[in-house]
N, C-alpha and C. Protein backbone atom coordinates (compact mmCIF):
# COMPACT_ATOMS: atom_id res chain seq x y z
N LEU A 1 -7.56 14.86 -8.52
CA LEU A 1 -7.18 13.48 -8.36
C LEU A 1 -8.33 12.53 -8.68
N ALA A 2 -9.53 12.98 -8.45
CA ALA A 2 -10.69 12.13 -8.70
C ALA A 2 -10.83 11.79 -10.19
N ASN A 3 -10.23 12.59 -11.05
CA ASN A 3 -10.33 12.36 -12.49
C ASN A 3 -9.28 11.40 -13.01
N ALA A 4 -8.39 10.93 -12.17
CA ALA A 4 -7.34 9.99 -12.61
C ALA A 4 -8.01 8.73 -13.14
N HIS A 5 -7.52 8.23 -14.27
CA HIS A 5 -8.16 7.07 -14.90
C HIS A 5 -7.59 5.75 -14.44
N ASP A 6 -6.41 5.73 -13.79
CA ASP A 6 -5.85 4.50 -13.23
C ASP A 6 -4.84 4.87 -12.16
N LEU A 7 -4.27 3.86 -11.51
CA LEU A 7 -3.34 4.12 -10.41
C LEU A 7 -2.08 4.85 -10.88
N THR A 8 -1.57 4.50 -12.04
CA THR A 8 -0.36 5.16 -12.55
C THR A 8 -0.63 6.65 -12.71
N ASN A 9 -1.76 6.99 -13.31
CA ASN A 9 -2.12 8.38 -13.50
C ASN A 9 -2.35 9.08 -12.17
N LEU A 10 -2.96 8.39 -11.21
CA LEU A 10 -3.18 8.96 -9.88
C LEU A 10 -1.85 9.30 -9.22
N ILE A 11 -0.90 8.38 -9.26
CA ILE A 11 0.40 8.62 -8.64
C ILE A 11 1.14 9.75 -9.35
N GLU A 12 1.06 9.81 -10.67
CA GLU A 12 1.69 10.91 -11.41
C GLU A 12 1.14 12.25 -10.94
N ARG A 13 -0.18 12.33 -10.78
CA ARG A 13 -0.81 13.57 -10.34
C ARG A 13 -0.41 13.93 -8.91
N ILE A 14 -0.31 12.91 -8.06
CA ILE A 14 0.12 13.15 -6.67
C ILE A 14 1.55 13.68 -6.65
N GLU A 15 2.44 13.03 -7.40
CA GLU A 15 3.85 13.46 -7.44
C GLU A 15 3.97 14.87 -8.00
N GLN A 16 3.19 15.19 -9.03
CA GLN A 16 3.23 16.54 -9.60
C GLN A 16 2.76 17.56 -8.56
N ARG A 17 1.72 17.21 -7.83
CA ARG A 17 1.21 18.10 -6.79
C ARG A 17 2.27 18.32 -5.72
N LEU A 18 2.98 17.25 -5.33
CA LEU A 18 4.04 17.39 -4.32
C LEU A 18 5.19 18.26 -4.83
N ARG A 19 5.56 18.07 -6.11
CA ARG A 19 6.65 18.89 -6.69
C ARG A 19 6.29 20.37 -6.74
N ASN A 20 5.01 20.66 -6.96
CA ASN A 20 4.56 22.05 -7.08
C ASN A 20 4.12 22.66 -5.76
N ALA A 21 4.14 21.87 -4.70
CA ALA A 21 3.67 22.34 -3.39
C ALA A 21 4.69 23.25 -2.72
N PRO A 22 4.22 24.11 -1.84
CA PRO A 22 5.16 24.90 -1.04
C PRO A 22 6.07 23.96 -0.25
N ASP A 23 7.24 24.44 0.13
CA ASP A 23 8.22 23.61 0.83
C ASP A 23 7.64 22.85 2.03
N ARG A 24 6.73 23.46 2.75
CA ARG A 24 6.21 22.81 3.95
C ARG A 24 5.41 21.55 3.62
N LEU A 25 4.96 21.40 2.37
CA LEU A 25 4.20 20.22 1.98
C LEU A 25 5.04 19.19 1.23
N ALA A 26 6.25 19.56 0.86
CA ALA A 26 7.09 18.66 0.09
C ALA A 26 7.44 17.42 0.90
N LEU A 27 7.71 16.33 0.19
CA LEU A 27 8.03 15.06 0.86
C LEU A 27 9.50 15.06 1.27
N ARG A 28 9.72 15.32 2.55
CA ARG A 28 11.06 15.23 3.12
C ARG A 28 10.95 14.32 4.33
N LEU A 29 11.54 13.16 4.22
CA LEU A 29 11.46 12.21 5.32
C LEU A 29 12.32 12.67 6.48
N PRO A 30 11.93 12.34 7.70
CA PRO A 30 12.76 12.69 8.86
C PRO A 30 14.14 12.06 8.72
N GLU A 31 15.13 12.71 9.29
CA GLU A 31 16.52 12.23 9.19
C GLU A 31 16.71 10.86 9.82
N THR A 32 15.81 10.47 10.73
CA THR A 32 15.93 9.18 11.38
C THR A 32 15.46 8.03 10.49
N THR A 33 14.78 8.35 9.39
CA THR A 33 14.26 7.32 8.48
C THR A 33 15.34 6.88 7.51
N LYS A 34 15.57 5.57 7.44
CA LYS A 34 16.51 5.03 6.46
C LYS A 34 15.85 5.07 5.09
N PRO A 35 16.64 5.16 4.03
CA PRO A 35 16.06 5.15 2.69
C PRO A 35 15.26 3.86 2.47
N PHE A 36 14.15 3.98 1.76
CA PHE A 36 13.30 2.82 1.50
C PHE A 36 14.08 1.75 0.75
N SER A 37 14.97 2.14 -0.13
CA SER A 37 15.74 1.16 -0.91
C SER A 37 16.55 0.23 -0.01
N ALA A 38 16.85 0.64 1.22
CA ALA A 38 17.60 -0.19 2.16
C ALA A 38 16.69 -1.20 2.88
N ALA A 39 15.38 -1.13 2.65
CA ALA A 39 14.44 -1.99 3.36
C ALA A 39 14.14 -3.29 2.62
N ARG A 40 14.76 -3.51 1.48
CA ARG A 40 14.48 -4.72 0.70
C ARG A 40 14.75 -5.95 1.58
N GLY A 41 13.75 -6.84 1.65
CA GLY A 41 13.85 -8.06 2.45
C GLY A 41 13.54 -7.87 3.91
N ALA A 42 13.13 -6.67 4.31
CA ALA A 42 12.92 -6.41 5.73
C ALA A 42 11.51 -5.91 6.08
N LEU A 43 10.65 -5.70 5.09
CA LEU A 43 9.31 -5.16 5.38
C LEU A 43 8.41 -6.24 5.96
N SER A 44 7.58 -5.84 6.90
CA SER A 44 6.55 -6.73 7.44
C SER A 44 5.28 -6.52 6.64
N LEU A 45 4.45 -7.55 6.58
CA LEU A 45 3.15 -7.38 5.95
C LEU A 45 2.34 -6.38 6.77
N PRO A 46 1.53 -5.53 6.12
CA PRO A 46 0.72 -4.56 6.85
C PRO A 46 -0.42 -5.19 7.66
N ALA A 47 -0.74 -6.46 7.38
CA ALA A 47 -1.76 -7.18 8.15
C ALA A 47 -1.37 -8.65 8.16
N ARG A 48 -1.76 -9.34 9.22
CA ARG A 48 -1.43 -10.76 9.33
C ARG A 48 -2.37 -11.60 8.48
N GLY A 49 -1.79 -12.63 7.90
CA GLY A 49 -2.57 -13.57 7.12
C GLY A 49 -1.73 -14.12 5.98
N PRO A 50 -2.23 -15.17 5.38
CA PRO A 50 -1.48 -15.77 4.27
C PRO A 50 -1.62 -14.95 2.99
N VAL A 51 -0.56 -14.96 2.20
CA VAL A 51 -0.61 -14.34 0.88
C VAL A 51 -1.41 -15.28 -0.01
N VAL A 52 -2.51 -14.79 -0.58
CA VAL A 52 -3.39 -15.63 -1.38
C VAL A 52 -3.32 -15.33 -2.87
N THR A 53 -2.75 -14.19 -3.22
CA THR A 53 -2.53 -13.82 -4.62
C THR A 53 -1.14 -13.25 -4.74
N ARG A 54 -0.39 -13.76 -5.72
CA ARG A 54 0.98 -13.28 -5.92
C ARG A 54 1.05 -12.32 -7.11
N PHE A 55 2.06 -11.48 -7.09
CA PHE A 55 2.34 -10.53 -8.15
C PHE A 55 2.48 -11.27 -9.48
N GLY A 56 1.72 -10.83 -10.48
CA GLY A 56 1.85 -11.38 -11.82
C GLY A 56 1.23 -12.74 -12.05
N GLU A 57 0.68 -13.36 -11.01
CA GLU A 57 0.07 -14.68 -11.11
C GLU A 57 -1.29 -14.55 -11.80
N ARG A 58 -1.47 -15.28 -12.90
CA ARG A 58 -2.71 -15.18 -13.67
C ARG A 58 -3.91 -15.65 -12.85
N SER A 59 -4.95 -14.81 -12.81
CA SER A 59 -6.17 -15.16 -12.07
C SER A 59 -7.08 -16.00 -12.94
N ALA A 60 -8.19 -16.45 -12.36
CA ALA A 60 -9.18 -17.23 -13.10
C ALA A 60 -9.75 -16.43 -14.27
N LEU A 61 -9.73 -15.10 -14.15
CA LEU A 61 -10.22 -14.22 -15.22
C LEU A 61 -9.14 -13.88 -16.24
N GLY A 62 -7.94 -14.40 -16.02
CA GLY A 62 -6.84 -14.13 -16.94
C GLY A 62 -6.09 -12.85 -16.66
N LEU A 63 -6.40 -12.19 -15.56
CA LEU A 63 -5.72 -10.94 -15.20
C LEU A 63 -4.45 -11.24 -14.42
N ARG A 64 -3.49 -10.36 -14.52
CA ARG A 64 -2.24 -10.49 -13.77
C ARG A 64 -2.14 -9.32 -12.79
N PRO A 65 -2.29 -9.60 -11.49
CA PRO A 65 -2.25 -8.51 -10.51
C PRO A 65 -0.88 -7.84 -10.45
N LYS A 66 -0.89 -6.56 -10.12
CA LYS A 66 0.33 -5.78 -9.99
C LYS A 66 0.77 -5.68 -8.54
N GLY A 67 0.16 -6.51 -7.70
CA GLY A 67 0.49 -6.53 -6.28
C GLY A 67 0.18 -7.90 -5.73
N ILE A 68 0.05 -7.96 -4.41
CA ILE A 68 -0.30 -9.22 -3.75
C ILE A 68 -1.55 -8.98 -2.91
N ALA A 69 -2.20 -10.07 -2.52
CA ALA A 69 -3.35 -9.97 -1.62
C ALA A 69 -3.12 -10.89 -0.44
N VAL A 70 -3.47 -10.39 0.74
CA VAL A 70 -3.33 -11.12 1.99
C VAL A 70 -4.72 -11.33 2.57
N ALA A 71 -5.07 -12.58 2.86
CA ALA A 71 -6.35 -12.88 3.52
C ALA A 71 -6.20 -12.58 5.00
N THR A 72 -7.03 -11.69 5.52
CA THR A 72 -6.94 -11.27 6.91
C THR A 72 -8.17 -11.77 7.67
N ARG A 73 -8.14 -11.59 8.95
CA ARG A 73 -9.34 -11.88 9.72
C ARG A 73 -10.26 -10.65 9.61
N ALA A 74 -11.54 -10.86 9.84
CA ALA A 74 -12.49 -9.76 9.80
C ALA A 74 -12.12 -8.71 10.85
N GLY A 75 -12.14 -7.45 10.45
CA GLY A 75 -11.83 -6.36 11.37
C GLY A 75 -10.36 -6.21 11.71
N ALA A 76 -9.48 -6.90 10.99
CA ALA A 76 -8.04 -6.85 11.29
C ALA A 76 -7.50 -5.43 11.19
N GLN A 77 -6.54 -5.13 12.05
CA GLN A 77 -5.82 -3.86 12.02
C GLN A 77 -4.78 -3.90 10.90
N VAL A 78 -4.67 -2.81 10.15
CA VAL A 78 -3.67 -2.68 9.10
C VAL A 78 -2.69 -1.60 9.55
N VAL A 79 -1.38 -1.87 9.35
CA VAL A 79 -0.35 -0.92 9.79
C VAL A 79 0.52 -0.48 8.60
N ALA A 80 1.19 0.62 8.78
CA ALA A 80 2.12 1.11 7.76
C ALA A 80 3.31 0.16 7.67
N PRO A 81 3.68 -0.27 6.46
CA PRO A 81 4.81 -1.19 6.33
C PRO A 81 6.17 -0.52 6.50
N TYR A 82 6.20 0.83 6.36
CA TYR A 82 7.45 1.56 6.45
C TYR A 82 7.13 3.03 6.70
N ASP A 83 8.09 3.76 7.22
CA ASP A 83 7.90 5.19 7.46
C ASP A 83 7.53 5.89 6.15
N GLY A 84 6.67 6.88 6.23
CA GLY A 84 6.30 7.64 5.04
C GLY A 84 5.20 8.63 5.34
N ARG A 85 4.68 9.18 4.27
CA ARG A 85 3.65 10.21 4.37
C ARG A 85 2.45 9.79 3.54
N ILE A 86 1.26 9.95 4.10
CA ILE A 86 0.05 9.64 3.35
C ILE A 86 -0.13 10.70 2.26
N VAL A 87 -0.21 10.25 1.00
CA VAL A 87 -0.40 11.18 -0.11
C VAL A 87 -1.77 10.99 -0.77
N PHE A 88 -2.47 9.91 -0.41
CA PHE A 88 -3.85 9.71 -0.87
C PHE A 88 -4.56 8.80 0.13
N ALA A 89 -5.79 9.16 0.45
CA ALA A 89 -6.62 8.34 1.34
C ALA A 89 -8.07 8.57 0.96
N GLY A 90 -8.71 7.52 0.46
CA GLY A 90 -10.12 7.65 0.10
C GLY A 90 -10.53 6.65 -0.96
N LEU A 91 -11.74 6.82 -1.44
CA LEU A 91 -12.27 5.93 -2.46
C LEU A 91 -11.59 6.18 -3.80
N PHE A 92 -11.26 5.09 -4.49
CA PHE A 92 -10.71 5.23 -5.84
C PHE A 92 -11.14 4.02 -6.67
N ARG A 93 -11.97 4.29 -7.63
CA ARG A 93 -12.44 3.31 -8.61
C ARG A 93 -12.77 1.96 -7.97
N ARG A 94 -12.37 0.87 -8.60
CA ARG A 94 -12.71 -0.47 -8.12
C ARG A 94 -11.89 -0.89 -6.89
N TYR A 95 -10.94 -0.07 -6.48
CA TYR A 95 -10.11 -0.40 -5.31
C TYR A 95 -10.84 -0.14 -4.00
N GLY A 96 -11.91 0.61 -4.03
CA GLY A 96 -12.60 0.97 -2.80
C GLY A 96 -11.75 1.93 -2.00
N GLN A 97 -11.67 1.72 -0.69
CA GLN A 97 -10.85 2.57 0.17
C GLN A 97 -9.37 2.30 -0.13
N LEU A 98 -8.69 3.30 -0.63
CA LEU A 98 -7.29 3.18 -1.05
C LEU A 98 -6.43 4.13 -0.23
N LEU A 99 -5.29 3.63 0.21
CA LEU A 99 -4.31 4.44 0.94
C LEU A 99 -2.99 4.36 0.18
N ILE A 100 -2.40 5.52 -0.10
CA ILE A 100 -1.09 5.55 -0.76
C ILE A 100 -0.12 6.26 0.17
N ILE A 101 0.98 5.57 0.46
CA ILE A 101 2.02 6.11 1.34
C ILE A 101 3.27 6.33 0.50
N ALA A 102 3.81 7.55 0.52
CA ALA A 102 5.06 7.86 -0.17
C ALA A 102 6.21 7.65 0.82
N HIS A 103 7.25 6.97 0.36
CA HIS A 103 8.39 6.65 1.22
C HIS A 103 9.67 7.38 0.80
N GLY A 104 9.60 8.21 -0.21
CA GLY A 104 10.80 8.87 -0.73
C GLY A 104 11.46 8.01 -1.79
N GLU A 105 12.41 8.56 -2.51
CA GLU A 105 13.14 7.88 -3.57
C GLU A 105 12.21 7.40 -4.70
N GLY A 106 11.00 7.94 -4.78
CA GLY A 106 10.05 7.53 -5.80
C GLY A 106 9.26 6.28 -5.44
N TYR A 107 9.39 5.77 -4.21
CA TYR A 107 8.69 4.56 -3.78
C TYR A 107 7.34 4.91 -3.14
N HIS A 108 6.33 4.08 -3.44
CA HIS A 108 5.00 4.21 -2.85
C HIS A 108 4.48 2.83 -2.48
N THR A 109 3.73 2.77 -1.39
CA THR A 109 2.97 1.58 -1.04
C THR A 109 1.50 1.93 -1.23
N LEU A 110 0.78 1.06 -1.92
CA LEU A 110 -0.65 1.21 -2.11
C LEU A 110 -1.34 0.09 -1.35
N LEU A 111 -2.31 0.44 -0.54
CA LEU A 111 -3.06 -0.54 0.25
C LEU A 111 -4.54 -0.34 -0.03
N ALA A 112 -5.27 -1.43 -0.31
CA ALA A 112 -6.70 -1.34 -0.59
C ALA A 112 -7.42 -2.53 0.02
N GLY A 113 -8.71 -2.33 0.29
CA GLY A 113 -9.54 -3.39 0.86
C GLY A 113 -10.03 -3.05 2.26
N PHE A 114 -9.75 -1.85 2.70
CA PHE A 114 -10.16 -1.40 4.04
C PHE A 114 -11.67 -1.22 4.14
N SER A 115 -12.16 -1.29 5.36
CA SER A 115 -13.50 -0.79 5.62
C SER A 115 -13.39 0.66 6.09
N SER A 116 -12.25 0.98 6.74
CA SER A 116 -12.01 2.36 7.17
C SER A 116 -10.52 2.65 7.18
N ILE A 117 -10.19 3.90 6.85
CA ILE A 117 -8.80 4.36 6.87
C ILE A 117 -8.64 5.29 8.06
N ASP A 118 -7.58 5.08 8.84
CA ASP A 118 -7.32 5.90 10.02
C ASP A 118 -6.13 6.81 9.77
N GLY A 119 -6.27 7.70 8.83
CA GLY A 119 -5.21 8.64 8.51
C GLY A 119 -5.70 9.64 7.49
N VAL A 120 -4.98 10.73 7.37
CA VAL A 120 -5.36 11.79 6.44
C VAL A 120 -4.17 12.18 5.57
N VAL A 121 -4.47 12.72 4.42
CA VAL A 121 -3.42 13.17 3.51
C VAL A 121 -2.52 14.18 4.22
N GLY A 122 -1.22 13.98 4.09
CA GLY A 122 -0.24 14.85 4.72
C GLY A 122 0.31 14.28 6.03
N GLN A 123 -0.37 13.29 6.58
CA GLN A 123 0.05 12.71 7.86
C GLN A 123 1.31 11.87 7.68
N TRP A 124 2.27 12.06 8.60
CA TRP A 124 3.48 11.25 8.63
C TRP A 124 3.21 9.98 9.41
N LEU A 125 3.75 8.88 8.94
CA LEU A 125 3.57 7.58 9.57
C LEU A 125 4.91 6.95 9.91
N LEU A 126 4.92 6.18 10.96
CA LEU A 126 6.07 5.35 11.28
C LEU A 126 5.70 3.91 10.97
N ALA A 127 6.68 3.09 10.62
CA ALA A 127 6.43 1.67 10.36
C ALA A 127 5.71 1.07 11.56
N GLY A 128 4.66 0.31 11.30
CA GLY A 128 3.90 -0.33 12.36
C GLY A 128 2.76 0.50 12.91
N GLU A 129 2.65 1.75 12.48
CA GLU A 129 1.57 2.62 12.96
C GLU A 129 0.25 2.22 12.30
N PRO A 130 -0.85 2.12 13.07
CA PRO A 130 -2.14 1.74 12.50
C PRO A 130 -2.61 2.73 11.44
N VAL A 131 -3.11 2.19 10.31
CA VAL A 131 -3.60 3.04 9.22
C VAL A 131 -5.04 2.71 8.82
N GLY A 132 -5.60 1.62 9.35
CA GLY A 132 -6.98 1.30 8.98
C GLY A 132 -7.40 -0.06 9.50
N LYS A 133 -8.64 -0.40 9.19
CA LYS A 133 -9.20 -1.68 9.58
C LYS A 133 -9.83 -2.35 8.37
N MET A 134 -9.76 -3.68 8.39
CA MET A 134 -10.39 -4.47 7.34
C MET A 134 -11.87 -4.61 7.65
N SER A 135 -12.64 -5.01 6.65
CA SER A 135 -14.08 -5.14 6.84
C SER A 135 -14.41 -6.27 7.80
N ARG A 136 -15.60 -6.22 8.31
CA ARG A 136 -16.11 -7.27 9.19
C ARG A 136 -17.12 -8.10 8.41
N GLN A 137 -16.65 -8.70 7.33
CA GLN A 137 -17.52 -9.49 6.46
C GLN A 137 -18.14 -10.64 7.21
N ARG A 138 -19.35 -10.94 6.83
CA ARG A 138 -20.05 -12.05 7.45
C ARG A 138 -20.09 -13.26 6.52
N SER A 139 -19.48 -13.16 5.36
CA SER A 139 -19.47 -14.28 4.42
C SER A 139 -18.39 -15.29 4.80
N GLN A 140 -18.36 -16.40 4.08
CA GLN A 140 -17.36 -17.45 4.31
C GLN A 140 -15.96 -16.96 3.93
N ARG A 141 -15.89 -16.05 3.01
CA ARG A 141 -14.62 -15.59 2.49
C ARG A 141 -13.99 -14.54 3.42
N LYS A 142 -12.69 -14.66 3.65
CA LYS A 142 -11.99 -13.70 4.49
C LYS A 142 -11.74 -12.41 3.70
N PRO A 143 -11.70 -11.26 4.40
CA PRO A 143 -11.36 -10.01 3.72
C PRO A 143 -9.92 -10.09 3.19
N GLU A 144 -9.67 -9.41 2.09
CA GLU A 144 -8.32 -9.42 1.50
C GLU A 144 -7.77 -8.01 1.42
N LEU A 145 -6.54 -7.86 1.90
CA LEU A 145 -5.82 -6.60 1.79
C LEU A 145 -4.96 -6.67 0.54
N TYR A 146 -5.16 -5.73 -0.37
CA TYR A 146 -4.35 -5.65 -1.58
C TYR A 146 -3.16 -4.75 -1.30
N ILE A 147 -1.96 -5.22 -1.66
CA ILE A 147 -0.72 -4.48 -1.39
C ILE A 147 0.06 -4.36 -2.69
N GLU A 148 0.40 -3.15 -3.02
CA GLU A 148 1.17 -2.91 -4.24
C GLU A 148 2.33 -1.97 -3.91
N LEU A 149 3.50 -2.27 -4.43
CA LEU A 149 4.66 -1.38 -4.31
C LEU A 149 4.94 -0.80 -5.69
N ARG A 150 5.29 0.46 -5.72
CA ARG A 150 5.64 1.11 -6.98
C ARG A 150 6.91 1.94 -6.78
N GLN A 151 7.71 1.96 -7.83
CA GLN A 151 8.87 2.84 -7.86
C GLN A 151 8.76 3.67 -9.11
N ASP A 152 8.79 4.97 -8.95
CA ASP A 152 8.62 5.91 -10.07
C ASP A 152 7.37 5.58 -10.87
N GLY A 153 6.31 5.19 -10.16
CA GLY A 153 5.02 4.92 -10.78
C GLY A 153 4.84 3.53 -11.36
N GLU A 154 5.91 2.75 -11.42
CA GLU A 154 5.85 1.41 -12.01
C GLU A 154 5.67 0.34 -10.95
N PRO A 155 4.68 -0.56 -11.14
CA PRO A 155 4.49 -1.63 -10.16
C PRO A 155 5.71 -2.54 -10.10
N MET A 156 6.01 -3.01 -8.90
CA MET A 156 7.12 -3.94 -8.72
C MET A 156 6.67 -5.05 -7.78
N ASN A 157 7.29 -6.20 -7.89
CA ASN A 157 6.92 -7.35 -7.07
C ASN A 157 7.25 -7.06 -5.61
N PRO A 158 6.25 -7.07 -4.73
CA PRO A 158 6.51 -6.79 -3.31
C PRO A 158 7.19 -7.94 -2.58
N GLN A 159 7.08 -9.17 -3.08
CA GLN A 159 7.60 -10.34 -2.37
C GLN A 159 9.06 -10.21 -1.95
N PRO A 160 9.98 -9.76 -2.83
CA PRO A 160 11.38 -9.66 -2.40
C PRO A 160 11.61 -8.60 -1.32
N TRP A 161 10.66 -7.73 -1.11
CA TRP A 161 10.79 -6.68 -0.11
C TRP A 161 10.32 -7.14 1.27
N LEU A 162 9.57 -8.24 1.31
CA LEU A 162 9.03 -8.72 2.57
C LEU A 162 10.05 -9.53 3.35
N ALA A 163 9.94 -9.47 4.67
CA ALA A 163 10.81 -10.27 5.53
C ALA A 163 10.59 -11.74 5.20
N ALA A 164 11.62 -12.54 5.25
CA ALA A 164 11.60 -13.95 4.84
C ALA A 164 10.49 -14.75 5.51
N THR A 165 10.17 -14.46 6.74
CA THR A 165 9.15 -15.24 7.44
C THR A 165 7.74 -14.92 6.96
N GLU A 166 7.60 -13.88 6.15
CA GLU A 166 6.25 -13.46 5.75
C GLU A 166 5.98 -13.66 4.27
N THR A 167 6.82 -14.41 3.56
CA THR A 167 6.65 -14.52 2.13
C THR A 167 6.01 -15.83 1.69
N GLN A 168 5.56 -16.63 2.66
CA GLN A 168 4.93 -17.89 2.30
C GLN A 168 3.62 -17.62 1.59
N VAL A 169 3.34 -18.43 0.59
CA VAL A 169 2.11 -18.30 -0.17
C VAL A 169 1.28 -19.54 0.05
N SER A 170 0.03 -19.36 0.36
CA SER A 170 -0.84 -20.52 0.53
C SER A 170 -1.68 -20.68 -0.73
N GLY A 171 -2.16 -21.88 -0.93
CA GLY A 171 -3.07 -22.03 -2.05
C GLY A 171 -2.76 -23.12 -2.97
């Protein structure tokens, strides 16, 4: 996995590993978990704070993010947005500490910007369960949690998946 050249390639490798894994490692969500596709419009942000970068919005550098960023308070707790299984946890390229949660149906949540991750690959998570902490930056700028949703490896706009009260954008 360390040789993956981008997030798409990383997720492809993770999915291939899951497909080739013994049954006990395969991604089978508990029967009590509703399909992720039914969660559209109902997900909570994994950390509190205003959305400061929107999906596809051109940055000052001319880049278009494939996710959103939420400005959090220093040391903020980050939680799982939905039930799933950790399929990657650790450093990855310019993302720093990256956590990837598989939710079934080909859906993944990618979270980056942590100072520490509180979970390990293979761990099952419930929505709202703590998964990490944001940095305790001493600068004027607030730490930002990067959130990306993917289906079958393709980035998708997370905004329509968030609960209505959490989709306000500041800026």
